[in-house]
PDB file of N, CA and C in Angstrom:
ATOM      1  N   MET A   1      84.129 223.778  35.607  1.00  0.00           N
ATOM      2  CA  MET A   1      83.585 224.871  36.372  1.00  0.00           C
ATOM      3  C   MET A   1      84.411 226.120  36.087  1.00  0.00           C
ATOM      4  N   LYS A   2      83.691 227.202  35.892  1.00  0.00           N
ATOM      5  CA  LYS A   2      84.362 228.465  35.649  1.00  0.00           C
ATOM      6  C   LYS A   2      84.956 228.983  36.948  1.00  0.00           C
ATOM      7  N   GLN A   3      86.069 229.653  36.858  1.00  0.00           N
ATOM      8  CA  GLN A   3      86.733 230.157  38.055  1.00  0.00           C
ATOM      9  C   GLN A   3      86.544 231.668  38.145  1.00  0.00           C
ATOM     10  N   ALA A   4      86.324 232.125  39.327  1.00  0.00           N
ATOM     11  CA  ALA A   4      86.206 233.563  39.593  1.00  0.00           C
ATOM     12  C   ALA A   4      87.243 233.928  40.638  1.00  0.00           C
ATOM     13  N   ILE A   5      87.698 235.148  40.571  1.00  0.00           N
ATOM     14  CA  ILE A   5      88.717 235.573  41.528  1.00  0.00           C
ATOM     15  C   ILE A   5      88.350 236.953  42.071  1.00  0.00           C
ATOM     16  N   ASN A   6      88.630 237.154  43.334  1.00  0.00           N
ATOM     17  CA  ASN A   6      88.387 238.421  44.005  1.00  0.00           C
ATOM     18  C   ASN A   6      89.594 238.682  44.896  1.00  0.00           C
ATOM     19  N   VAL A   7      90.283 239.789  44.663  1.00  0.00           N
ATOM     20  CA  VAL A   7      91.487 240.086  45.429  1.00  0.00           C
ATOM     21  C   VAL A   7      91.235 241.317  46.288  1.00  0.00           C
ATOM     22  N   ASN A   8      91.503 241.178  47.564  1.00  0.00           N
ATOM     23  CA  ASN A   8      91.374 242.229  48.553  1.00  0.00           C
ATOM     24  C   ASN A   8      92.702 242.253  49.303  1.00  0.00           C
ATOM     25  N   PRO A   9      93.188 243.404  49.753  1.00  0.00           N
ATOM     26  CA  PRO A   9      94.485 243.419  50.460  1.00  0.00           C
ATOM     27  C   PRO A   9      94.549 242.470  51.660  1.00  0.00           C
ATOM     28  N   ASN A  10      93.432 242.282  52.341  1.00  0.00           N
ATOM     29  CA  ASN A  10      93.422 241.434  53.532  1.00  0.00           C
ATOM     30  C   ASN A  10      92.911 240.026  53.270  1.00  0.00           C
ATOM     31  N   LEU A  11      92.225 239.800  52.154  1.00  0.00           N
ATOM     32  CA  LEU A  11      91.585 238.521  51.902  1.00  0.00           C
ATOM     33  C   LEU A  11      91.659 238.182  50.425  1.00  0.00           C
ATOM     34  N   VAL A  12      92.048 236.969  50.124  1.00  0.00           N
ATOM     35  CA  VAL A  12      92.093 236.500  48.744  1.00  0.00           C
ATOM     36  C   VAL A  12      91.165 235.296  48.628  1.00  0.00           C
ATOM     37  N   THR A  13      90.260 235.334  47.656  1.00  0.00           N
ATOM     38  CA  THR A  13      89.344 234.223  47.450  1.00  0.00           C
ATOM     39  C   THR A  13      89.422 233.766  46.011  1.00  0.00           C
ATOM     40  N   LEU A  14      89.143 232.496  45.811  1.00  0.00           N
ATOM     41  CA  LEU A  14      89.158 231.923  44.482  1.00  0.00           C
ATOM     42  C   LEU A  14      88.030 230.910  44.402  1.00  0.00           C
ATOM     43  N   GLY A  15      87.197 231.013  43.377  1.00  0.00           N
ATOM     44  CA  GLY A  15      86.107 230.060  43.229  1.00  0.00           C
ATOM     45  C   GLY A  15      84.785 230.726  42.953  1.00  0.00           C
ATOM     46  N   VAL A  16      83.715 230.023  43.281  1.00  0.00           N
ATOM     47  CA  VAL A  16      82.361 230.505  43.025  1.00  0.00           C
ATOM     48  C   VAL A  16      81.690 230.819  44.351  1.00  0.00           C
ATOM     49  N   CYS A  17      81.076 231.965  44.436  1.00  0.00           N
ATOM     50  CA  CYS A  17      80.340 232.360  45.632  1.00  0.00           C
ATOM     51  C   CYS A  17      78.993 231.633  45.626  1.00  0.00           C
ATOM     52  N   PHE A  18      78.753 230.776  46.604  1.00  0.00           N
ATOM     53  CA  PHE A  18      77.500 230.033  46.687  1.00  0.00           C
ATOM     54  C   PHE A  18      76.407 230.841  47.363  1.00  0.00           C
ATOM     55  N   GLY A  19      76.768 231.752  48.232  1.00  0.00           N
ATOM     56  CA  GLY A  19      75.786 232.552  48.941  1.00  0.00           C
ATOM     57  C   GLY A  19      76.427 233.299  50.088  1.00  0.00           C
ATOM     58  N   LYS A  20      75.574 233.881  50.914  1.00  0.00           N
ATOM     59  CA  LYS A  20      76.049 234.650  52.053  1.00  0.00           C
ATOM     60  C   LYS A  20      75.175 234.354  53.261  1.00  0.00           C
ATOM     61  N   PHE A  21      75.726 234.592  54.436  1.00  0.00           N
ATOM     62  CA  PHE A  21      74.954 234.491  55.656  1.00  0.00           C
ATOM     63  C   PHE A  21      74.250 235.818  55.908  1.00  0.00           C
ATOM     64  N   SER A  22      72.987 235.739  56.287  1.00  0.00           N
ATOM     65  CA  SER A  22      72.218 236.949  56.582  1.00  0.00           C
ATOM     66  C   SER A  22      72.563 237.439  57.983  1.00  0.00           C
ATOM     67  N   ALA A  23      72.001 238.566  58.361  1.00  0.00           N
ATOM     68  CA  ALA A  23      72.253 239.127  59.685  1.00  0.00           C
ATOM     69  C   ALA A  23      71.711 238.218  60.788  1.00  0.00           C
ATOM     70  N   THR A  24      70.689 237.417  60.459  1.00  0.00           N
ATOM     71  CA  THR A  24      70.110 236.514  61.452  1.00  0.00           C
ATOM     72  C   THR A  24      70.812 235.160  61.496  1.00  0.00           C
ATOM     73  N   GLY A  25      71.853 234.977  60.668  1.00  0.00           N
ATOM     74  CA  GLY A  25      72.625 233.749  60.685  1.00  0.00           C
ATOM     75  C   GLY A  25      72.149 232.683  59.716  1.00  0.00           C
ATOM     76  N   LYS A  26      71.152 232.996  58.897  1.00  0.00           N
ATOM     77  CA  LYS A  26      70.672 232.031  57.905  1.00  0.00           C
ATOM     78  C   LYS A  26      71.482 232.163  56.621  1.00  0.00           C
ATOM     79  N   PHE A  27      71.708 231.035  55.953  1.00  0.00           N
ATOM     80  CA  PHE A  27      72.477 231.043  54.715  1.00  0.00           C
ATOM     81  C   PHE A  27      71.544 231.267  53.548  1.00  0.00           C
ATOM     82  N   ARG A  28      71.820 232.247  52.715  1.00  0.00           N
ATOM     83  CA  ARG A  28      70.998 232.585  51.552  1.00  0.00           C
ATOM     84  C   ARG A  28      71.784 232.269  50.286  1.00  0.00           C
ATOM     85  N   LEU A  29      71.282 231.315  49.506  1.00  0.00           N
ATOM     86  CA  LEU A  29      71.942 230.947  48.253  1.00  0.00           C
ATOM     87  C   LEU A  29      71.871 232.083  47.244  1.00  0.00           C
ATOM     88  N   HIS A  30      72.940 232.262  46.484  1.00  0.00           N
ATOM     89  CA  HIS A  30      72.962 233.229  45.393  1.00  0.00           C
ATOM     90  C   HIS A  30      72.766 232.488  44.081  1.00  0.00           C
ATOM     91  N   ILE A  31      72.412 233.220  43.083  1.00  0.00           N
ATOM     92  CA  ILE A  31      72.201 232.646  41.756  1.00  0.00           C
ATOM     93  C   ILE A  31      73.524 232.138  41.170  1.00  0.00           C
ATOM     94  N   THR A  32      74.642 232.586  41.710  1.00  0.00           N
ATOM     95  CA  THR A  32      75.939 232.128  41.222  1.00  0.00           C
ATOM     96  C   THR A  32      76.143 230.635  41.480  1.00  0.00           C
ATOM     97  N   ALA A  33      75.362 230.041  42.380  1.00  0.00           N
ATOM     98  CA  ALA A  33      75.458 228.608  42.672  1.00  0.00           C
ATOM     99  C   ALA A  33      74.618 227.757  41.717  1.00  0.00           C
ATOM    100  N   LEU A  34      73.895 228.390  40.805  1.00  0.00           N
ATOM    101  CA  LEU A  34      72.963 227.674  39.934  1.00  0.00           C
ATOM    102  C   LEU A  34      73.646 226.618  39.072  1.00  0.00           C
ATOM    103  N   GLU A  35      74.802 226.920  38.538  1.00  0.00           N
ATOM    104  CA  GLU A  35      75.507 225.975  37.654  1.00  0.00           C
ATOM    105  C   GLU A  35      75.793 224.654  38.369  1.00  0.00           C
ATOM    106  N   ILE A  36      76.194 224.729  39.612  1.00  0.00           N
ATOM    107  CA  ILE A  36      76.497 223.515  40.379  1.00  0.00           C
ATOM    108  C   ILE A  36      75.205 222.834  40.827  1.00  0.00           C
ATOM    109  N   LEU A  37      74.236 223.620  41.311  1.00  0.00           N
ATOM    110  CA  LEU A  37      72.953 223.052  41.735  1.00  0.00           C
ATOM    111  C   LEU A  37      72.245 222.312  40.603  1.00  0.00           C
ATOM    112  N   ALA A  38      72.297 222.858  39.398  1.00  0.00           N
ATOM    113  CA  ALA A  38      71.599 222.251  38.260  1.00  0.00           C
ATOM    114  C   ALA A  38      72.150 220.863  37.937  1.00  0.00           C
ATOM    115  N   GLN A  39      73.438 220.666  38.109  1.00  0.00           N
ATOM    116  CA  GLN A  39      74.054 219.370  37.807  1.00  0.00           C
ATOM    117  C   GLN A  39      73.594 218.277  38.765  1.00  0.00           C
ATOM    118  N   TYR A  40      73.385 218.619  40.025  1.00  0.00           N
ATOM    119  CA  TYR A  40      73.129 217.620  41.048  1.00  0.00           C
ATOM    120  C   TYR A  40      71.706 217.659  41.615  1.00  0.00           C
ATOM    121  N   ALA A  41      70.828 218.428  40.998  1.00  0.00           N
ATOM    122  CA  ALA A  41      69.469 218.582  41.526  1.00  0.00           C
ATOM    123  C   ALA A  41      68.677 217.280  41.430  1.00  0.00           C
ATOM    124  N   LYS A  42      68.026 216.929  42.520  1.00  0.00           N
ATOM    125  CA  LYS A  42      67.174 215.745  42.543  1.00  0.00           C
ATOM    126  C   LYS A  42      65.784 216.089  42.026  1.00  0.00           C
ATOM    127  N   TYR A  43      65.295 217.269  42.352  1.00  0.00           N
ATOM    128  CA  TYR A  43      63.966 217.706  41.941  1.00  0.00           C
ATOM    129  C   TYR A  43      64.090 218.885  40.979  1.00  0.00           C
ATOM    130  N   LYS A  44      63.375 218.791  39.868  1.00  0.00           N
ATOM    131  CA  LYS A  44      63.454 219.811  38.818  1.00  0.00           C
ATOM    132  C   LYS A  44      62.059 220.183  38.338  1.00  0.00           C
ATOM    133  N   VAL A  45      61.949 221.407  37.848  1.00  0.00           N
ATOM    134  CA  VAL A  45      60.714 221.889  37.234  1.00  0.00           C
ATOM    135  C   VAL A  45      61.096 222.528  35.910  1.00  0.00           C
ATOM    136  N   TRP A  46      60.345 222.215  34.860  1.00  0.00           N
ATOM    137  CA  TRP A  46      60.563 222.807  33.545  1.00  0.00           C
ATOM    138  C   TRP A  46      59.446 223.796  33.274  1.00  0.00           C
ATOM    139  N   VAL A  47      59.809 224.984  32.787  1.00  0.00           N
ATOM    140  CA  VAL A  47      58.853 226.058  32.544  1.00  0.00           C
ATOM    141  C   VAL A  47      58.622 226.208  31.042  1.00  0.00           C
ATOM    142  N   LYS A  48      57.363 226.395  30.668  1.00  0.00           N
ATOM    143  CA  LYS A  48      57.016 226.641  29.266  1.00  0.00           C
ATOM    144  C   LYS A  48      57.597 227.984  28.825  1.00  0.00           C
ATOM    145  N   PRO A  49      57.825 228.152  27.524  1.00  0.00           N
ATOM    146  CA  PRO A  49      58.364 229.439  27.035  1.00  0.00           C
ATOM    147  C   PRO A  49      57.507 230.642  27.428  1.00  0.00           C
ATOM    148  N   SER A  50      56.198 230.449  27.557  1.00  0.00           N
ATOM    149  CA  SER A  50      55.320 231.558  27.930  1.00  0.00           C
ATOM    150  C   SER A  50      55.555 232.024  29.368  1.00  0.00           C
ATOM    151  N   GLY A  51      56.134 231.185  30.217  1.00  0.00           N
ATOM    152  CA  GLY A  51      56.365 231.547  31.607  1.00  0.00           C
ATOM    153  C   GLY A  51      57.797 231.891  31.947  1.00  0.00           C
ATOM    154  N   GLU A  52      58.706 231.748  30.983  1.00  0.00           N
ATOM    155  CA  GLU A  52      60.124 232.014  31.261  1.00  0.00           C
ATOM    156  C   GLU A  52      60.376 233.457  31.673  1.00  0.00           C
ATOM    157  N   MET A  53      59.854 234.398  30.907  1.00  0.00           N
ATOM    158  CA  MET A  53      60.106 235.813  31.212  1.00  0.00           C
ATOM    159  C   MET A  53      59.470 236.220  32.533  1.00  0.00           C
ATOM    160  N   SER A  54      58.297 235.682  32.818  1.00  0.00           N
ATOM    161  CA  SER A  54      57.649 235.978  34.085  1.00  0.00           C
ATOM    162  C   SER A  54      58.523 235.531  35.253  1.00  0.00           C
ATOM    163  N   PHE A  55      59.082 234.336  35.155  1.00  0.00           N
ATOM    164  CA  PHE A  55      59.971 233.839  36.210  1.00  0.00           C
ATOM    165  C   PHE A  55      61.244 234.672  36.284  1.00  0.00           C
ATOM    166  N   MET A  56      61.771 235.070  35.139  1.00  0.00           N
ATOM    167  CA  MET A  56      63.016 235.846  35.106  1.00  0.00           C
ATOM    168  C   MET A  56      62.847 237.247  35.697  1.00  0.00           C
ATOM    169  N   TYR A  57      61.606 237.735  35.730  1.00  0.00           N
ATOM    170  CA  TYR A  57      61.335 239.035  36.348  1.00  0.00           C
ATOM    171  C   TYR A  57      61.020 238.911  37.830  1.00  0.00           C
ATOM    172  N   GLY A  58      61.130 237.691  38.385  1.00  0.00           N
ATOM    173  CA  GLY A  58      60.976 237.510  39.818  1.00  0.00           C
ATOM    174  C   GLY A  58      59.615 237.020  40.267  1.00  0.00           C
ATOM    175  N   ASN A  59      58.753 236.612  39.343  1.00  0.00           N
ATOM    176  CA  ASN A  59      57.425 236.122  39.713  1.00  0.00           C
ATOM    177  C   ASN A  59      57.452 234.617  39.984  1.00  0.00           C
ATOM    178  N   HIS A  60      56.478 234.138  40.749  1.00  0.00           N
ATOM    179  CA  HIS A  60      56.346 232.717  41.032  1.00  0.00           C
ATOM    180  C   HIS A  60      55.876 231.982  39.776  1.00  0.00           C
ATOM    181  N   ILE A  61      56.046 230.661  39.759  1.00  0.00           N
ATOM    182  CA  ILE A  61      55.619 229.851  38.613  1.00  0.00           C
ATOM    183  C   ILE A  61      54.190 229.370  38.849  1.00  0.00           C
ATOM    184  N   LEU A  62      53.320 229.665  37.908  1.00  0.00           N
ATOM    185  CA  LEU A  62      51.940 229.217  37.965  1.00  0.00           C
ATOM    186  C   LEU A  62      51.815 227.863  37.286  1.00  0.00           C
ATOM    187  N   LYS A  63      50.726 227.173  37.568  1.00  0.00           N
ATOM    188  CA  LYS A  63      50.515 225.869  36.946  1.00  0.00           C
ATOM    189  C   LYS A  63      50.424 226.002  35.423  1.00  0.00           C
ATOM    190  N   ALA A  64      49.855 227.091  34.941  1.00  0.00           N
ATOM    191  CA  ALA A  64      49.725 227.313  33.499  1.00  0.00           C
ATOM    192  C   ALA A  64      51.086 227.424  32.818  1.00  0.00           C
ATOM    193  N   HIS A  65      52.121 227.839  33.569  1.00  0.00           N
ATOM    194  CA  HIS A  65      53.462 228.003  33.002  1.00  0.00           C
ATOM    195  C   HIS A  65      54.353 226.782  33.197  1.00  0.00           C
ATOM    196  N   MET A  66      53.911 225.833  34.004  1.00  0.00           N
ATOM    197  CA  MET A  66      54.735 224.663  34.292  1.00  0.00           C
ATOM    198  C   MET A  66      54.619 223.658  33.155  1.00  0.00           C
ATOM    199  N   GLY A  67      55.777 223.251  32.605  1.00  0.00           N
ATOM    200  CA  GLY A  67      55.795 222.255  31.545  1.00  0.00           C
ATOM    201  C   GLY A  67      55.854 220.844  32.096  1.00  0.00           C
ATOM    202  N   ARG A  68      56.832 220.589  32.954  1.00  0.00           N
ATOM    203  CA  ARG A  68      57.007 219.279  33.588  1.00  0.00           C
ATOM    204  C   ARG A  68      57.521 219.484  34.999  1.00  0.00           C
ATOM    205  N   ILE A  69      57.408 218.411  35.785  1.00  0.00           N
ATOM    206  CA  ILE A  69      57.951 218.417  37.143  1.00  0.00           C
ATOM    207  C   ILE A  69      58.426 217.001  37.448  1.00  0.00           C
ATOM    208  N   THR A  70      59.495 216.876  38.201  1.00  0.00           N
ATOM    209  CA  THR A  70      60.014 215.574  38.584  1.00  0.00           C
ATOM    210  C   THR A  70      58.957 214.817  39.383  1.00  0.00           C
ATOM    211  N   GLU A  71      58.815 213.539  39.099  1.00  0.00           N
ATOM    212  CA  GLU A  71      57.843 212.705  39.819  1.00  0.00           C
ATOM    213  C   GLU A  71      58.152 212.667  41.311  1.00  0.00           C
ATOM    214  N   ASP A  72      57.113 212.610  42.111  1.00  0.00           N
ATOM    215  CA  ASP A  72      57.199 212.481  43.569  1.00  0.00           C
ATOM    216  C   ASP A  72      57.955 213.629  44.238  1.00  0.00           C
ATOM    217  N   THR A  73      57.831 214.816  43.702  1.00  0.00           N
ATOM    218  CA  THR A  73      58.424 215.981  44.354  1.00  0.00           C
ATOM    219  C   THR A  73      57.544 216.383  45.530  1.00  0.00           C
ATOM    220  N   PRO A  74      58.084 216.426  46.746  1.00  0.00           N
ATOM    221  CA  PRO A  74      57.255 216.792  47.904  1.00  0.00           C
ATOM    222  C   PRO A  74      56.976 218.296  47.969  1.00  0.00           C
ATOM    223  N   GLU A  75      56.028 218.655  48.822  1.00  0.00           N
ATOM    224  CA  GLU A  75      55.697 220.055  49.057  1.00  0.00           C
ATOM    225  C   GLU A  75      56.829 220.712  49.849  1.00  0.00           C
ATOM    226  N   HIS A  76      57.076 221.979  49.599  1.00  0.00           N
ATOM    227  CA  HIS A  76      58.109 222.792  50.268  1.00  0.00           C
ATOM    228  C   HIS A  76      59.517 222.230  50.051  1.00  0.00           C
ATOM    229  N   GLN A  77      59.779 221.702  48.882  1.00  0.00           N
ATOM    230  CA  GLN A  77      61.084 221.133  48.532  1.00  0.00           C
ATOM    231  C   GLN A  77      61.797 222.083  47.572  1.00  0.00           C
ATOM    232  N   GLY A  78      63.085 222.252  47.741  1.00  0.00           N
ATOM    233  CA  GLY A  78      63.867 223.074  46.828  1.00  0.00           C
ATOM    234  C   GLY A  78      63.973 222.417  45.462  1.00  0.00           C
ATOM    235  N   VAL A  79      63.779 223.198  44.408  1.00  0.00           N
ATOM    236  CA  VAL A  79      63.848 222.687  43.034  1.00  0.00           C
ATOM    237  C   VAL A  79      64.674 223.637  42.180  1.00  0.00           C
ATOM    238  N   VAL A  80      65.255 223.084  41.122  1.00  0.00           N
ATOM    239  CA  VAL A  80      65.933 223.891  40.128  1.00  0.00           C
ATOM    240  C   VAL A  80      64.970 224.066  38.964  1.00  0.00           C
ATOM    241  N   VAL A  81      64.844 225.282  38.472  1.00  0.00           N
ATOM    242  CA  VAL A  81      63.912 225.606  37.393  1.00  0.00           C
ATOM    243  C   VAL A  81      64.677 225.643  36.079  1.00  0.00           C
ATOM    244  N   PHE A  82      64.171 224.897  35.097  1.00  0.00           N
ATOM    245  CA  PHE A  82      64.772 224.817  33.773  1.00  0.00           C
ATOM    246  C   PHE A  82      63.799 225.320  32.721  1.00  0.00           C
ATOM    247  N   SER A  83      64.344 225.779  31.588  1.00  0.00           N
ATOM    248  CA  SER A  83      63.498 226.033  30.429  1.00  0.00           C
ATOM    249  C   SER A  83      63.196 224.674  29.792  1.00  0.00           C
ATOM    250  N   MET A  84      62.302 224.633  28.828  1.00  0.00           N
ATOM    251  CA  MET A  84      61.971 223.375  28.168  1.00  0.00           C
ATOM    252  C   MET A  84      63.162 222.845  27.360  1.00  0.00           C
ATOM    253  N   ASN A  85      64.161 223.701  27.106  1.00  0.00           N
ATOM    254  CA  ASN A  85      65.386 223.299  26.403  1.00  0.00           C
ATOM    255  C   ASN A  85      66.486 222.883  27.363  1.00  0.00           C
ATOM    256  N   ASP A  86      66.149 222.621  28.621  1.00  0.00           N
ATOM    257  CA  ASP A  86      67.085 222.202  29.670  1.00  0.00           C
ATOM    258  C   ASP A  86      68.165 223.231  29.984  1.00  0.00           C
ATOM    259  N   ILE A  87      67.818 224.495  29.904  1.00  0.00           N
ATOM    260  CA  ILE A  87      68.725 225.568  30.313  1.00  0.00           C
ATOM    261  C   ILE A  87      68.314 225.998  31.721  1.00  0.00           C
ATOM    262  N   PRO A  88      69.216 225.938  32.702  1.00  0.00           N
ATOM    263  CA  PRO A  88      68.840 226.336  34.068  1.00  0.00           C
ATOM    264  C   PRO A  88      68.521 227.826  34.146  1.00  0.00           C
ATOM    265  N   LEU A  89      67.365 228.149  34.718  1.00  0.00           N
ATOM    266  CA  LEU A  89      66.915 229.539  34.831  1.00  0.00           C
ATOM    267  C   LEU A  89      66.996 230.071  36.250  1.00  0.00           C
ATOM    268  N   GLY A  90      66.917 229.177  37.236  1.00  0.00           N
ATOM    269  CA  GLY A  90      66.934 229.624  38.619  1.00  0.00           C
ATOM    270  C   GLY A  90      66.527 228.503  39.550  1.00  0.00           C
ATOM    271  N   PHE A  91      66.169 228.867  40.768  1.00  0.00           N
ATOM    272  CA  PHE A  91      65.698 227.862  41.712  1.00  0.00           C
ATOM    273  C   PHE A  91      64.607 228.443  42.583  1.00  0.00           C
ATOM    274  N   GLY A  92      63.843 227.532  43.193  1.00  0.00           N
ATOM    275  CA  GLY A  92      62.726 227.947  44.019  1.00  0.00           C
ATOM    276  C   GLY A  92      62.306 226.836  44.961  1.00  0.00           C
ATOM    277  N   VAL A  93      61.135 226.983  45.555  1.00  0.00           N
ATOM    278  CA  VAL A  93      60.583 226.023  46.501  1.00  0.00           C
ATOM    279  C   VAL A  93      59.179 225.663  46.042  1.00  0.00           C
ATOM    280  N   THR A  94      58.863 224.372  46.021  1.00  0.00           N
ATOM    281  CA  THR A  94      57.544 223.948  45.567  1.00  0.00           C
ATOM    282  C   THR A  94      56.468 224.369  46.570  1.00  0.00           C
ATOM    283  N   ALA A  95      55.353 224.834  46.039  1.00  0.00           N
ATOM    284  CA  ALA A  95      54.216 225.201  46.870  1.00  0.00           C
ATOM    285  C   ALA A  95      53.316 223.992  47.099  1.00  0.00           C
ATOM    286  N   ARG A  96      53.344 223.060  46.171  1.00  0.00           N
ATOM    287  CA  ARG A  96      52.512 221.853  46.244  1.00  0.00           C
ATOM    288  C   ARG A  96      53.343 220.657  45.800  1.00  0.00           C
ATOM    289  N   SER A  97      52.918 219.464  46.188  1.00  0.00           N
ATOM    290  CA  SER A  97      53.582 218.247  45.735  1.00  0.00           C
ATOM    291  C   SER A  97      53.186 217.979  44.279  1.00  0.00           C
ATOM    292  N   THR A  98      53.869 217.034  43.642  1.00  0.00           N
ATOM    293  CA  THR A  98      53.568 216.705  42.253  1.00  0.00           C
ATOM    294  C   THR A  98      52.112 216.284  42.090  1.00  0.00           C
ATOM    295  N   GLN A  99      51.617 215.443  42.977  1.00  0.00           N
ATOM    296  CA  GLN A  99      50.242 214.953  42.879  1.00  0.00           C
ATOM    297  C   GLN A  99      49.235 216.081  43.071  1.00  0.00           C
ATOM    298  N   ASP A 100      49.481 216.974  44.024  1.00  0.00           N
ATOM    299  CA  ASP A 100      48.573 218.092  44.267  1.00  0.00           C
ATOM    300  C   ASP A 100      48.615 219.103  43.121  1.00  0.00           C
ATOM    301  N   ALA A 101      49.779 219.306  42.527  1.00  0.00           N
ATOM    302  CA  ALA A 101      49.926 220.288  41.451  1.00  0.00           C
ATOM    303  C   ALA A 101      49.108 219.903  40.219  1.00  0.00           C
ATOM    304  N   ARG A 102      48.949 218.628  39.980  1.00  0.00           N
ATOM    305  CA  ARG A 102      48.180 218.188  38.805  1.00  0.00           C
ATOM    306  C   ARG A 102      46.698 218.527  38.926  1.00  0.00           C
ATOM    307  N   LYS A 103      46.196 218.686  40.150  1.00  0.00           N
ATOM    308  CA  LYS A 103      44.774 218.941  40.391  1.00  0.00           C
ATOM    309  C   LYS A 103      44.436 220.433  40.467  1.00  0.00           C
ATOM    310  N   LEU A 104      45.438 221.292  40.449  1.00  0.00           N
ATOM    311  CA  LEU A 104      45.217 222.728  40.650  1.00  0.00           C
ATOM    312  C   LEU A 104      44.652 223.414  39.414  1.00  0.00           C
ATOM    313  N   GLU A 105      44.045 224.585  39.646  1.00  0.00           N
ATOM    314  CA  GLU A 105      43.600 225.421  38.534  1.00  0.00           C
ATOM    315  C   GLU A 105      44.818 226.122  37.924  1.00  0.00           C
ATOM    316  N   PRO A 106      44.735 226.593  36.683  1.00  0.00           N
ATOM    317  CA  PRO A 106      45.892 227.173  35.989  1.00  0.00           C
ATOM    318  C   PRO A 106      46.501 228.406  36.647  1.00  0.00           C
ATOM    319  N   THR A 107      45.748 229.113  37.475  1.00  0.00           N
ATOM    320  CA  THR A 107      46.279 230.341  38.089  1.00  0.00           C
ATOM    321  C   THR A 107      46.922 230.102  39.454  1.00  0.00           C
ATOM    322  N   ALA A 108      46.977 228.863  39.908  1.00  0.00           N
ATOM    323  CA  ALA A 108      47.557 228.550  41.218  1.00  0.00           C
ATOM    324  C   ALA A 108      49.085 228.531  41.143  1.00  0.00           C
ATOM    325  N   ILE A 109      49.730 228.948  42.229  1.00  0.00           N
ATOM    326  CA  ILE A 109      51.197 228.959  42.303  1.00  0.00           C
ATOM    327  C   ILE A 109      51.693 227.545  42.582  1.00  0.00           C
ATOM    328  N   VAL A 110      52.677 227.101  41.783  1.00  0.00           N
ATOM    329  CA  VAL A 110      53.252 225.769  41.939  1.00  0.00           C
ATOM    330  C   VAL A 110      54.651 225.855  42.551  1.00  0.00           C
ATOM    331  N   VAL A 111      55.431 226.865  42.155  1.00  0.00           N
ATOM    332  CA  VAL A 111      56.803 227.037  42.662  1.00  0.00           C
ATOM    333  C   VAL A 111      56.990 228.484  43.094  1.00  0.00           C
ATOM    334  N   TYR A 112      57.462 228.654  44.326  1.00  0.00           N
ATOM    335  CA  TYR A 112      57.797 229.986  44.820  1.00  0.00           C
ATOM    336  C   TYR A 112      59.185 230.375  44.319  1.00  0.00           C
ATOM    337  N   HIS A 113      59.287 231.572  43.810  1.00  0.00           N
ATOM    338  CA  HIS A 113      60.544 232.092  43.269  1.00  0.00           C
ATOM    339  C   HIS A 113      61.551 232.335  44.387  1.00  0.00           C
ATOM    340  N   GLN A 114      62.782 231.869  44.194  1.00  0.00           N
ATOM    341  CA  GLN A 114      63.880 232.151  45.126  1.00  0.00           C
ATOM    342  C   GLN A 114      64.953 232.998  44.448  1.00  0.00           C
ATOM    343  N   ALA A 115      65.415 232.550  43.293  1.00  0.00           N
ATOM    344  CA  ALA A 115      66.450 233.281  42.557  1.00  0.00           C
ATOM    345  C   ALA A 115      66.377 232.898  41.085  1.00  0.00           C
ATOM    346  N   ASP A 116      66.806 233.795  40.211  1.00  0.00           N
ATOM    347  CA  ASP A 116      66.816 233.522  38.773  1.00  0.00           C
ATOM    348  C   ASP A 116      68.016 234.203  38.132  1.00  0.00           C
ATOM    349  N   VAL A 117      68.315 233.831  36.897  1.00  0.00           N
ATOM    350  CA  VAL A 117      69.493 234.372  36.228  1.00  0.00           C
ATOM    351  C   VAL A 117      69.361 235.860  35.935  1.00  0.00           C
ATOM    352  N   GLY A 118      68.170 236.408  36.002  1.00  0.00           N
ATOM    353  CA  GLY A 118      67.981 237.847  35.848  1.00  0.00           C
ATOM    354  C   GLY A 118      68.619 238.638  36.972  1.00  0.00           C
ATOM    355  N   GLU A 119      68.930 237.968  38.081  1.00  0.00           N
ATOM    356  CA  GLU A 119      69.579 238.655  39.205  1.00  0.00           C
ATOM    357  C   GLU A 119      70.992 239.106  38.860  1.00  0.00           C
ATOM    358  N   TYR A 120      71.606 238.477  37.880  1.00  0.00           N
ATOM    359  CA  TYR A 120      72.931 238.938  37.455  1.00  0.00           C
ATOM    360  C   TYR A 120      72.854 240.404  37.034  1.00  0.00           C
ATOM    361  N   ILE A 121      71.755 240.775  36.408  1.00  0.00           N
ATOM    362  CA  ILE A 121      71.593 242.156  35.943  1.00  0.00           C
ATOM    363  C   ILE A 121      71.016 243.031  37.045  1.00  0.00           C
ATOM    364  N   ARG A 122      69.985 242.544  37.746  1.00  0.00           N
ATOM    365  CA  ARG A 122      69.313 243.337  38.769  1.00  0.00           C
ATOM    366  C   ARG A 122      70.188 243.604  39.984  1.00  0.00           C
ATOM    367  N   SER A 123      71.065 242.667  40.344  1.00  0.00           N
ATOM    368  CA  SER A 123      71.834 242.780  41.589  1.00  0.00           C
ATOM    369  C   SER A 123      73.327 242.599  41.382  1.00  0.00           C
ATOM    370  N   GLU A 124      73.838 243.037  40.260  1.00  0.00           N
ATOM    371  CA  GLU A 124      75.248 242.771  39.985  1.00  0.00           C
ATOM    372  C   GLU A 124      76.195 243.432  40.989  1.00  0.00           C
ATOM    373  N   ASP A 125      75.784 244.511  41.614  1.00  0.00           N
ATOM    374  CA  ASP A 125      76.649 245.196  42.583  1.00  0.00           C
ATOM    375  C   ASP A 125      76.710 244.474  43.919  1.00  0.00           C
ATOM    376  N   THR A 126      75.670 243.728  44.282  1.00  0.00           N
ATOM    377  CA  THR A 126      75.614 243.106  45.603  1.00  0.00           C
ATOM    378  C   THR A 126      75.888 241.605  45.588  1.00  0.00           C
ATOM    379  N   LEU A 127      76.164 241.006  44.443  1.00  0.00           N
ATOM    380  CA  LEU A 127      76.378 239.560  44.388  1.00  0.00           C
ATOM    381  C   LEU A 127      77.694 239.143  45.011  1.00  0.00           C
ATOM    382  N   MET A 128      78.677 239.944  45.031  1.00  0.00           N
ATOM    383  CA  MET A 128      79.968 239.576  45.617  1.00  0.00           C
ATOM    384  C   MET A 128      80.140 240.134  46.986  1.00  0.00           C
TER     385      MET A 128
END
């Protein structure tokens, strides 16, 4: 695991920032946790090359862009999104179960976008 360091006169931290608590008290995962999540993910979705850029720009994954999905993935379950070359791209939440996703039309949403590696560029000032 890569190490990151942040030094503040009052606070010293060492490690990887997994996320932050929102004003309402909910924990919001950051894309910086992707490396660890990808190793231990139970449910995964693989995206075709034609859908990678769409996902990286913050769009949801359509059935037409989905390459594979882990068997027996339930609806509204957190998943890690991979390219077809097994490179982690981000994470999201399934809109449909594996069985329901197979019956959908190509324009239906299968995975709701939560975070992607493009956030390193889009939100580099607010990630820490």
